[in-house]
Amino acid sequence: MTRLLRAAALGFAALLSVLTLYGLTALVLGTWPRNAGFVETPDGIPVYVRTNGVHAELILPTRVDGVDWSVEFPARHMRALAAPTPWVAFGWGDRGFMLNTPTWSDLHPTTAVVALSGLGDGAMHVEYIETPMAYETRRVRVSAEQYQQLVSYIRSSFVRDPDGKVRQIDAPGYFDTDAFYEAVPTYTFWYTCNEWTRRGLAAAGVKTARWAPFDLAVLYHLPDAGKAR
């Protein structure tokens, strides 16, 4: 019994050490900026980041600068959307987690374990919305070139058929205006949904964290949407 208790104590201490190291690394790399010299483009293309307090997503204009997201994600893909709205949100994550956990009360330990282990598939949540200001958001304005870099990053995250079309997942969205699609890569403890969002901002040259497993690190370097001009 003594050996068993000692082993349990050592295991707990090891787990606590790993979690502490993870948290400290997230804090250091989350506050250490990448693209520190980024300057917003006056009257540039607005890019928003929204969060539900845990999960950060990108919000982009549905149609701007020659990019029309409604071509790749038509209204018929959504449960009950008559026509695309002015804005579209993109959020990446683990497929099992996104499809089976519409609310935190639906979370099962096995779902979380599979997601963190990297054994699950990726998925993209695409949602049409009327305005980004209905959510807790941050906003930056980018140049046309930076926007195209972000667009390329997002598009590269989708699994596509031989004709280059995105593959919609046969599962209902959370609402009438959203849908799920097959995506890459896989979710791990290092590559989280928020890290996907951070890498998109980094690809566009926007000031962001070095690593962002949590949404706070993504938001930390961005101006509040209500104060952005």
C-alpha atoms as a PDB file:
ATOM      1  CA  MET A   1       0.000   0.000   0.000  1.00  0.00           C
ATOM      2  CA  THR A   2       2.867   2.350   0.856  1.00  0.00           C
ATOM      3  CA  ARG A   3       4.469   1.759  -2.539  1.00  0.00           C
ATOM      4  CA  LEU A   4       1.144   2.339  -4.251  1.00  0.00           C
ATOM      5  CA  LEU A   5       0.634   5.634  -2.451  1.00  0.00           C
ATOM      6  CA  ARG A   6       4.199   6.673  -3.223  1.00  0.00           C
ATOM      7  CA  ALA A   7       3.722   5.872  -6.910  1.00  0.00           C
ATOM      8  CA  ALA A   8       0.472   7.809  -6.959  1.00  0.00           C
ATOM      9  CA  ALA A   9       2.149  10.789  -5.306  1.00  0.00           C
ATOM     10  CA  LEU A  10       5.022  10.724  -7.807  1.00  0.00           C
ATOM     11  CA  GLY A  11       2.573  10.488 -10.697  1.00  0.00           C
ATOM     12  CA  PHE A  12       0.598  13.436  -9.383  1.00  0.00           C
ATOM     13  CA  ALA A  13       3.773  15.462  -8.875  1.00  0.00           C
ATOM     14  CA  ALA A  14       4.910  14.676 -12.421  1.00  0.00           C
ATOM     15  CA  LEU A  15       1.528  15.699 -13.856  1.00  0.00           C
ATOM     16  CA  LEU A  16       1.565  18.909 -11.828  1.00  0.00           C
ATOM     17  CA  SER A  17       5.062  19.694 -13.094  1.00  0.00           C
ATOM     18  CA  VAL A  18       4.024  19.156 -16.717  1.00  0.00           C
ATOM     19  CA  LEU A  19       0.951  21.361 -16.320  1.00  0.00           C
ATOM     20  CA  THR A  20       2.992  24.062 -14.609  1.00  0.00           C
ATOM     21  CA  LEU A  21       5.595  24.002 -17.377  1.00  0.00           C
ATOM     22  CA  TYR A  22       2.836  24.135 -20.003  1.00  0.00           C
ATOM     23  CA  GLY A  23       1.241  27.134 -18.309  1.00  0.00           C
ATOM     24  CA  LEU A  24       4.520  29.008 -17.901  1.00  0.00           C
ATOM     25  CA  THR A  25       5.479  28.349 -21.523  1.00  0.00           C
ATOM     26  CA  ALA A  26       2.063  29.574 -22.665  1.00  0.00           C
ATOM     27  CA  LEU A  27       2.476  32.729 -20.580  1.00  0.00           C
ATOM     28  CA  VAL A  28       5.964  33.547 -21.869  1.00  0.00           C
ATOM     29  CA  LEU A  29       5.298  32.782 -25.535  1.00  0.00           C
ATOM     30  CA  GLY A  30       1.818  34.281 -25.330  1.00  0.00           C
ATOM     31  CA  THR A  31       3.113  37.697 -24.264  1.00  0.00           C
ATOM     32  CA  TRP A  32       6.225  37.623 -26.475  1.00  0.00           C
ATOM     33  CA  PRO A  33       5.115  39.230 -29.749  1.00  0.00           C
ATOM     34  CA  ARG A  34       5.729  38.028 -33.265  1.00  0.00           C
ATOM     35  CA  ASN A  35       5.555  40.606 -36.072  1.00  0.00           C
ATOM     36  CA  ALA A  36       6.165  43.290 -33.443  1.00  0.00           C
ATOM     37  CA  GLY A  37       6.641  45.930 -36.133  1.00  0.00           C
ATOM     38  CA  PHE A  38       3.169  45.427 -37.605  1.00  0.00           C
ATOM     39  CA  VAL A  39       1.312  48.639 -38.430  1.00  0.00           C
ATOM     40  CA  GLU A  40      -2.350  48.622 -39.375  1.00  0.00           C
ATOM     41  CA  THR A  41      -3.273  49.763 -42.867  1.00  0.00           C
ATOM     42  CA  PRO A  42      -5.429  52.905 -42.698  1.00  0.00           C
ATOM     43  CA  ASP A  43      -8.807  52.104 -44.263  1.00  0.00           C
ATOM     44  CA  GLY A  44      -7.517  48.562 -44.868  1.00  0.00           C
ATOM     45  CA  ILE A  45      -9.541  45.366 -44.874  1.00  0.00           C
ATOM     46  CA  PRO A  46     -11.005  44.654 -41.416  1.00  0.00           C
ATOM     47  CA  VAL A  47     -10.197  41.317 -39.821  1.00  0.00           C
ATOM     48  CA  TYR A  48     -11.865  40.400 -36.536  1.00  0.00           C
ATOM     49  CA  VAL A  49     -11.116  37.781 -33.922  1.00  0.00           C
ATOM     50  CA  ARG A  50     -13.989  36.667 -31.710  1.00  0.00           C
ATOM     51  CA  THR A  51     -13.999  34.445 -28.645  1.00  0.00           C
ATOM     52  CA  ASN A  52     -16.559  32.647 -26.521  1.00  0.00           C
ATOM     53  CA  GLY A  53     -14.147  32.798 -23.610  1.00  0.00           C
ATOM     54  CA  VAL A  54     -12.272  29.648 -24.640  1.00  0.00           C
ATOM     55  CA  HIS A  55     -12.238  29.317 -28.429  1.00  0.00           C
ATOM     56  CA  ALA A  56     -11.057  32.078 -30.792  1.00  0.00           C
ATOM     57  CA  GLU A  57     -12.178  32.358 -34.425  1.00  0.00           C
ATOM     58  CA  LEU A  58     -11.436  34.626 -37.369  1.00  0.00           C
ATOM     59  CA  ILE A  59     -14.189  36.808 -38.840  1.00  0.00           C
ATOM     60  CA  LEU A  60     -13.766  38.156 -42.361  1.00  0.00           C
ATOM     61  CA  PRO A  61     -15.908  40.092 -44.835  1.00  0.00           C
ATOM     62  CA  THR A  62     -17.873  37.666 -46.974  1.00  0.00           C
ATOM     63  CA  ARG A  63     -16.985  39.599 -50.104  1.00  0.00           C
ATOM     64  CA  VAL A  64     -13.988  41.916 -50.398  1.00  0.00           C
ATOM     65  CA  ASP A  65     -10.942  42.479 -52.607  1.00  0.00           C
ATOM     66  CA  GLY A  66     -11.955  39.853 -55.136  1.00  0.00           C
ATOM     67  CA  VAL A  67     -12.515  37.153 -52.504  1.00  0.00           C
ATOM     68  CA  ASP A  68     -16.071  35.815 -52.261  1.00  0.00           C
ATOM     69  CA  TRP A  69     -16.348  33.155 -49.565  1.00  0.00           C
ATOM     70  CA  SER A  70     -19.948  32.409 -50.541  1.00  0.00           C
ATOM     71  CA  VAL A  71     -18.666  30.686 -53.681  1.00  0.00           C
ATOM     72  CA  GLU A  72     -16.855  28.035 -51.633  1.00  0.00           C
ATOM     73  CA  PHE A  73     -19.439  28.018 -48.845  1.00  0.00           C
ATOM     74  CA  PRO A  74     -22.837  28.633 -50.454  1.00  0.00           C
ATOM     75  CA  ALA A  75     -25.951  29.302 -48.430  1.00  0.00           C
ATOM     76  CA  ARG A  76     -27.322  25.850 -49.317  1.00  0.00           C
ATOM     77  CA  HIS A  77     -24.622  24.274 -47.145  1.00  0.00           C
ATOM     78  CA  MET A  78     -26.260  25.854 -44.103  1.00  0.00           C
ATOM     79  CA  ARG A  79     -29.379  24.530 -42.432  1.00  0.00           C
ATOM     80  CA  ALA A  80     -31.609  27.544 -43.092  1.00  0.00           C
ATOM     81  CA  LEU A  81     -29.748  30.449 -44.665  1.00  0.00           C
ATOM     82  CA  ALA A  82     -31.529  32.319 -47.438  1.00  0.00           C
ATOM     83  CA  ALA A  83     -28.442  34.224 -48.548  1.00  0.00           C
ATOM     84  CA  PRO A  84     -24.912  34.826 -47.252  1.00  0.00           C
ATOM     85  CA  THR A  85     -24.618  37.579 -44.655  1.00  0.00           C
ATOM     86  CA  PRO A  86     -21.936  40.317 -44.770  1.00  0.00           C
ATOM     87  CA  TRP A  87     -19.514  38.440 -42.499  1.00  0.00           C
ATOM     88  CA  VAL A  88     -18.233  34.888 -42.179  1.00  0.00           C
ATOM     89  CA  ALA A  89     -16.417  33.268 -39.247  1.00  0.00           C
ATOM     90  CA  PHE A  90     -13.835  30.479 -39.441  1.00  0.00           C
ATOM     91  CA  GLY A  91     -12.935  28.342 -36.454  1.00  0.00           C
ATOM     92  CA  TRP A  92     -10.736  25.231 -36.581  1.00  0.00           C
ATOM     93  CA  GLY A  93     -10.580  22.392 -34.069  1.00  0.00           C
ATOM     94  CA  ASP A  94     -10.873  18.688 -33.339  1.00  0.00           C
ATOM     95  CA  ARG A  95     -13.705  17.076 -35.290  1.00  0.00           C
ATOM     96  CA  GLY A  96     -15.033  14.926 -32.452  1.00  0.00           C
ATOM     97  CA  PHE A  97     -14.926  17.807 -30.019  1.00  0.00           C
ATOM     98  CA  MET A  98     -16.656  20.266 -32.351  1.00  0.00           C
ATOM     99  CA  LEU A  99     -19.398  17.899 -33.466  1.00  0.00           C
ATOM    100  CA  ASN A 100     -20.135  16.309 -30.102  1.00  0.00           C
ATOM    101  CA  THR A 101     -19.675  19.228 -27.739  1.00  0.00           C
ATOM    102  CA  PRO A 102     -22.071  22.041 -28.693  1.00  0.00           C
ATOM    103  CA  THR A 103     -21.990  23.160 -25.029  1.00  0.00           C
ATOM    104  CA  TRP A 104     -19.534  22.484 -22.202  1.00  0.00           C
ATOM    105  CA  SER A 105     -22.145  20.346 -20.447  1.00  0.00           C
ATOM    106  CA  ASP A 106     -21.840  17.911 -23.378  1.00  0.00           C
ATOM    107  CA  LEU A 107     -18.111  17.391 -22.894  1.00  0.00           C
ATOM    108  CA  HIS A 108     -17.012  13.796 -22.207  1.00  0.00           C
ATOM    109  CA  PRO A 109     -13.529  12.934 -20.902  1.00  0.00           C
ATOM    110  CA  THR A 110     -12.906  10.557 -23.801  1.00  0.00           C
ATOM    111  CA  THR A 111     -13.592  13.353 -26.297  1.00  0.00           C
ATOM    112  CA  ALA A 112     -10.999  15.570 -24.629  1.00  0.00           C
ATOM    113  CA  VAL A 113      -8.425  12.766 -24.404  1.00  0.00           C
ATOM    114  CA  VAL A 114      -8.759  11.907 -28.106  1.00  0.00           C
ATOM    115  CA  ALA A 115      -8.456  15.574 -29.058  1.00  0.00           C
ATOM    116  CA  LEU A 116      -5.328  16.207 -26.977  1.00  0.00           C
ATOM    117  CA  SER A 117      -3.698  12.969 -28.122  1.00  0.00           C
ATOM    118  CA  GLY A 118      -3.813  13.974 -31.791  1.00  0.00           C
ATOM    119  CA  LEU A 119      -5.746  10.840 -32.717  1.00  0.00           C
ATOM    120  CA  GLY A 120      -8.801  12.691 -33.986  1.00  0.00           C
ATOM    121  CA  ASP A 121      -9.428  14.412 -37.309  1.00  0.00           C
ATOM    122  CA  GLY A 122      -9.547  18.140 -37.850  1.00  0.00           C
ATOM    123  CA  ALA A 123     -12.690  20.118 -38.668  1.00  0.00           C
ATOM    124  CA  MET A 124     -13.555  23.668 -39.651  1.00  0.00           C
ATOM    125  CA  HIS A 125     -16.598  25.524 -38.371  1.00  0.00           C
ATOM    126  CA  VAL A 126     -17.874  28.100 -40.856  1.00  0.00           C
ATOM    127  CA  GLU A 127     -20.635  30.466 -39.768  1.00  0.00           C
ATOM    128  CA  TYR A 128     -22.281  33.398 -41.508  1.00  0.00           C
ATOM    129  CA  ILE A 129     -23.033  36.304 -39.171  1.00  0.00           C
ATOM    130  CA  GLU A 130     -24.589  39.745 -39.535  1.00  0.00           C
ATOM    131  CA  THR A 131     -22.003  41.737 -37.589  1.00  0.00           C
ATOM    132  CA  PRO A 132     -18.812  40.996 -35.637  1.00  0.00           C
ATOM    133  CA  MET A 133     -19.840  43.541 -33.017  1.00  0.00           C
ATOM    134  CA  ALA A 134     -22.396  41.109 -31.616  1.00  0.00           C
ATOM    135  CA  TYR A 135     -19.495  39.212 -30.007  1.00  0.00           C
ATOM    136  CA  GLU A 136     -16.450  39.854 -27.847  1.00  0.00           C
ATOM    137  CA  THR A 137     -14.000  40.790 -30.571  1.00  0.00           C
ATOM    138  CA  ARG A 138     -10.701  42.408 -31.490  1.00  0.00           C
ATOM    139  CA  ARG A 139     -10.050  44.031 -34.872  1.00  0.00           C
ATOM    140  CA  VAL A 140      -7.150  44.949 -37.111  1.00  0.00           C
ATOM    141  CA  ARG A 141      -7.013  46.427 -40.593  1.00  0.00           C
ATOM    142  CA  VAL A 142      -4.675  44.792 -43.076  1.00  0.00           C
ATOM    143  CA  SER A 143      -3.478  45.540 -46.572  1.00  0.00           C
ATOM    144  CA  ALA A 144      -4.789  43.691 -49.612  1.00  0.00           C
ATOM    145  CA  GLU A 145      -1.580  41.668 -49.774  1.00  0.00           C
ATOM    146  CA  GLN A 146      -1.777  40.704 -46.106  1.00  0.00           C
ATOM    147  CA  TYR A 147      -5.416  39.753 -46.535  1.00  0.00           C
ATOM    148  CA  GLN A 148      -4.549  37.452 -49.426  1.00  0.00           C
ATOM    149  CA  GLN A 149      -1.963  35.749 -47.216  1.00  0.00           C
ATOM    150  CA  LEU A 150      -4.622  35.147 -44.580  1.00  0.00           C
ATOM    151  CA  VAL A 151      -7.044  33.853 -47.199  1.00  0.00           C
ATOM    152  CA  SER A 152      -4.418  31.408 -48.485  1.00  0.00           C
ATOM    153  CA  TYR A 153      -3.782  30.193 -44.940  1.00  0.00           C
ATOM    154  CA  ILE A 154      -7.469  29.549 -44.278  1.00  0.00           C
ATOM    155  CA  ARG A 155      -8.015  27.821 -47.601  1.00  0.00           C
ATOM    156  CA  SER A 156      -5.022  25.540 -47.016  1.00  0.00           C
ATOM    157  CA  SER A 157      -6.686  24.219 -43.845  1.00  0.00           C
ATOM    158  CA  PHE A 158      -9.544  22.547 -45.734  1.00  0.00           C
ATOM    159  CA  VAL A 159      -9.558  18.995 -47.056  1.00  0.00           C
ATOM    160  CA  ARG A 160     -10.606  19.107 -50.704  1.00  0.00           C
ATOM    161  CA  ASP A 161     -11.862  16.639 -53.295  1.00  0.00           C
ATOM    162  CA  PRO A 162     -10.075  16.054 -56.634  1.00  0.00           C
ATOM    163  CA  ASP A 163     -11.972  19.023 -58.086  1.00  0.00           C
ATOM    164  CA  GLY A 164     -10.658  21.319 -55.365  1.00  0.00           C
ATOM    165  CA  LYS A 165     -13.990  21.675 -53.565  1.00  0.00           C
ATOM    166  CA  VAL A 166     -14.242  21.651 -49.780  1.00  0.00           C
ATOM    167  CA  ARG A 167     -15.696  18.536 -48.157  1.00  0.00           C
ATOM    168  CA  GLN A 168     -18.692  19.292 -45.997  1.00  0.00           C
ATOM    169  CA  ILE A 169     -19.229  17.046 -42.966  1.00  0.00           C
ATOM    170  CA  ASP A 170     -22.631  15.373 -42.862  1.00  0.00           C
ATOM    171  CA  ALA A 171     -23.629  16.788 -39.487  1.00  0.00           C
ATOM    172  CA  PRO A 172     -25.884  19.684 -38.460  1.00  0.00           C
ATOM    173  CA  GLY A 173     -24.326  22.968 -37.427  1.00  0.00           C
ATOM    174  CA  TYR A 174     -24.922  24.643 -34.098  1.00  0.00           C
ATOM    175  CA  PHE A 175     -27.290  27.132 -35.697  1.00  0.00           C
ATOM    176  CA  ASP A 176     -29.174  27.726 -38.961  1.00  0.00           C
ATOM    177  CA  THR A 177     -26.292  29.680 -40.468  1.00  0.00           C
ATOM    178  CA  ASP A 178     -23.266  27.422 -40.012  1.00  0.00           C
ATOM    179  CA  ALA A 179     -21.736  24.151 -41.185  1.00  0.00           C
ATOM    180  CA  PHE A 180     -18.725  21.890 -40.578  1.00  0.00           C
ATOM    181  CA  TYR A 181     -16.046  20.850 -43.054  1.00  0.00           C
ATOM    182  CA  GLU A 182     -13.188  18.373 -43.104  1.00  0.00           C
ATOM    183  CA  ALA A 183      -9.932  20.100 -42.244  1.00  0.00           C
ATOM    184  CA  VAL A 184      -6.260  19.641 -41.412  1.00  0.00           C
ATOM    185  CA  PRO A 185      -4.117  19.207 -39.403  1.00  0.00           C
ATOM    186  CA  THR A 186      -5.043  17.275 -36.259  1.00  0.00           C
ATOM    187  CA  TYR A 187      -5.576  18.829 -32.838  1.00  0.00           C
ATOM    188  CA  THR A 188      -2.909  18.272 -30.168  1.00  0.00           C
ATOM    189  CA  PHE A 189      -1.970  19.797 -26.835  1.00  0.00           C
ATOM    190  CA  TRP A 190       0.498  21.987 -28.766  1.00  0.00           C
ATOM    191  CA  TYR A 191      -1.593  22.777 -31.859  1.00  0.00           C
ATOM    192  CA  THR A 192      -4.926  23.952 -30.461  1.00  0.00           C
ATOM    193  CA  CYS A 193      -7.870  25.791 -31.982  1.00  0.00           C
ATOM    194  CA  ASN A 194      -6.467  29.078 -30.722  1.00  0.00           C
ATOM    195  CA  GLU A 195      -3.031  28.296 -32.112  1.00  0.00           C
ATOM    196  CA  TRP A 196      -4.668  27.815 -35.519  1.00  0.00           C
ATOM    197  CA  THR A 197      -6.124  31.314 -35.272  1.00  0.00           C
ATOM    198  CA  ARG A 198      -2.798  32.752 -34.111  1.00  0.00           C
ATOM    199  CA  ARG A 199      -0.943  31.204 -37.038  1.00  0.00           C
ATOM    200  CA  GLY A 200      -3.400  32.768 -39.442  1.00  0.00           C
ATOM    201  CA  LEU A 201      -2.705  36.213 -38.010  1.00  0.00           C
ATOM    202  CA  ALA A 202       1.031  35.527 -38.079  1.00  0.00           C
ATOM    203  CA  ALA A 203       0.851  34.445 -41.719  1.00  0.00           C
ATOM    204  CA  ALA A 204      -0.755  37.795 -42.545  1.00  0.00           C
ATOM    205  CA  GLY A 205       2.023  39.669 -40.741  1.00  0.00           C
ATOM    206  CA  VAL A 206      -0.223  40.810 -37.882  1.00  0.00           C
ATOM    207  CA  LYS A 207       1.299  41.319 -34.445  1.00  0.00           C
ATOM    208  CA  THR A 208       0.449  38.265 -32.396  1.00  0.00           C
ATOM    209  CA  ALA A 209       1.819  35.807 -29.859  1.00  0.00           C
ATOM    210  CA  ARG A 210       4.627  33.326 -30.463  1.00  0.00           C
ATOM    211  CA  TRP A 211       2.339  30.544 -29.258  1.00  0.00           C
ATOM    212  CA  ALA A 212      -1.315  30.670 -28.229  1.00  0.00           C
ATOM    213  CA  PRO A 213      -2.849  27.503 -26.795  1.00  0.00           C
ATOM    214  CA  PHE A 214      -5.423  29.740 -25.089  1.00  0.00           C
ATOM    215  CA  ASP A 215      -7.585  32.514 -26.525  1.00  0.00           C
ATOM    216  CA  LEU A 216      -6.190  35.150 -24.178  1.00  0.00           C
ATOM    217  CA  ALA A 217      -2.823  35.046 -25.944  1.00  0.00           C
ATOM    218  CA  VAL A 218      -4.533  35.655 -29.294  1.00  0.00           C
ATOM    219  CA  LEU A 219      -6.505  38.628 -27.970  1.00  0.00           C
ATOM    220  CA  TYR A 220      -3.654  40.105 -25.927  1.00  0.00           C
ATOM    221  CA  HIS A 221      -1.854  41.704 -28.890  1.00  0.00           C
ATOM    222  CA  LEU A 222      -4.959  42.973 -30.722  1.00  0.00           C
ATOM    223  CA  PRO A 223      -6.812  46.247 -30.113  1.00  0.00           C
ATOM    224  CA  ASP A 224     -10.335  46.092 -28.751  1.00  0.00           C
ATOM    225  CA  ALA A 225     -12.817  46.287 -31.616  1.00  0.00           C
ATOM    226  CA  GLY A 226     -14.783  49.020 -29.881  1.00  0.00           C
ATOM    227  CA  LYS A 227     -11.663  51.207 -29.654  1.00  0.00           C
ATOM    228  CA  ALA A 228     -10.192  50.309 -33.050  1.00  0.00           C
ATOM    229  CA  ARG A 229     -10.469  52.964 -35.692  1.00  0.00           C
END
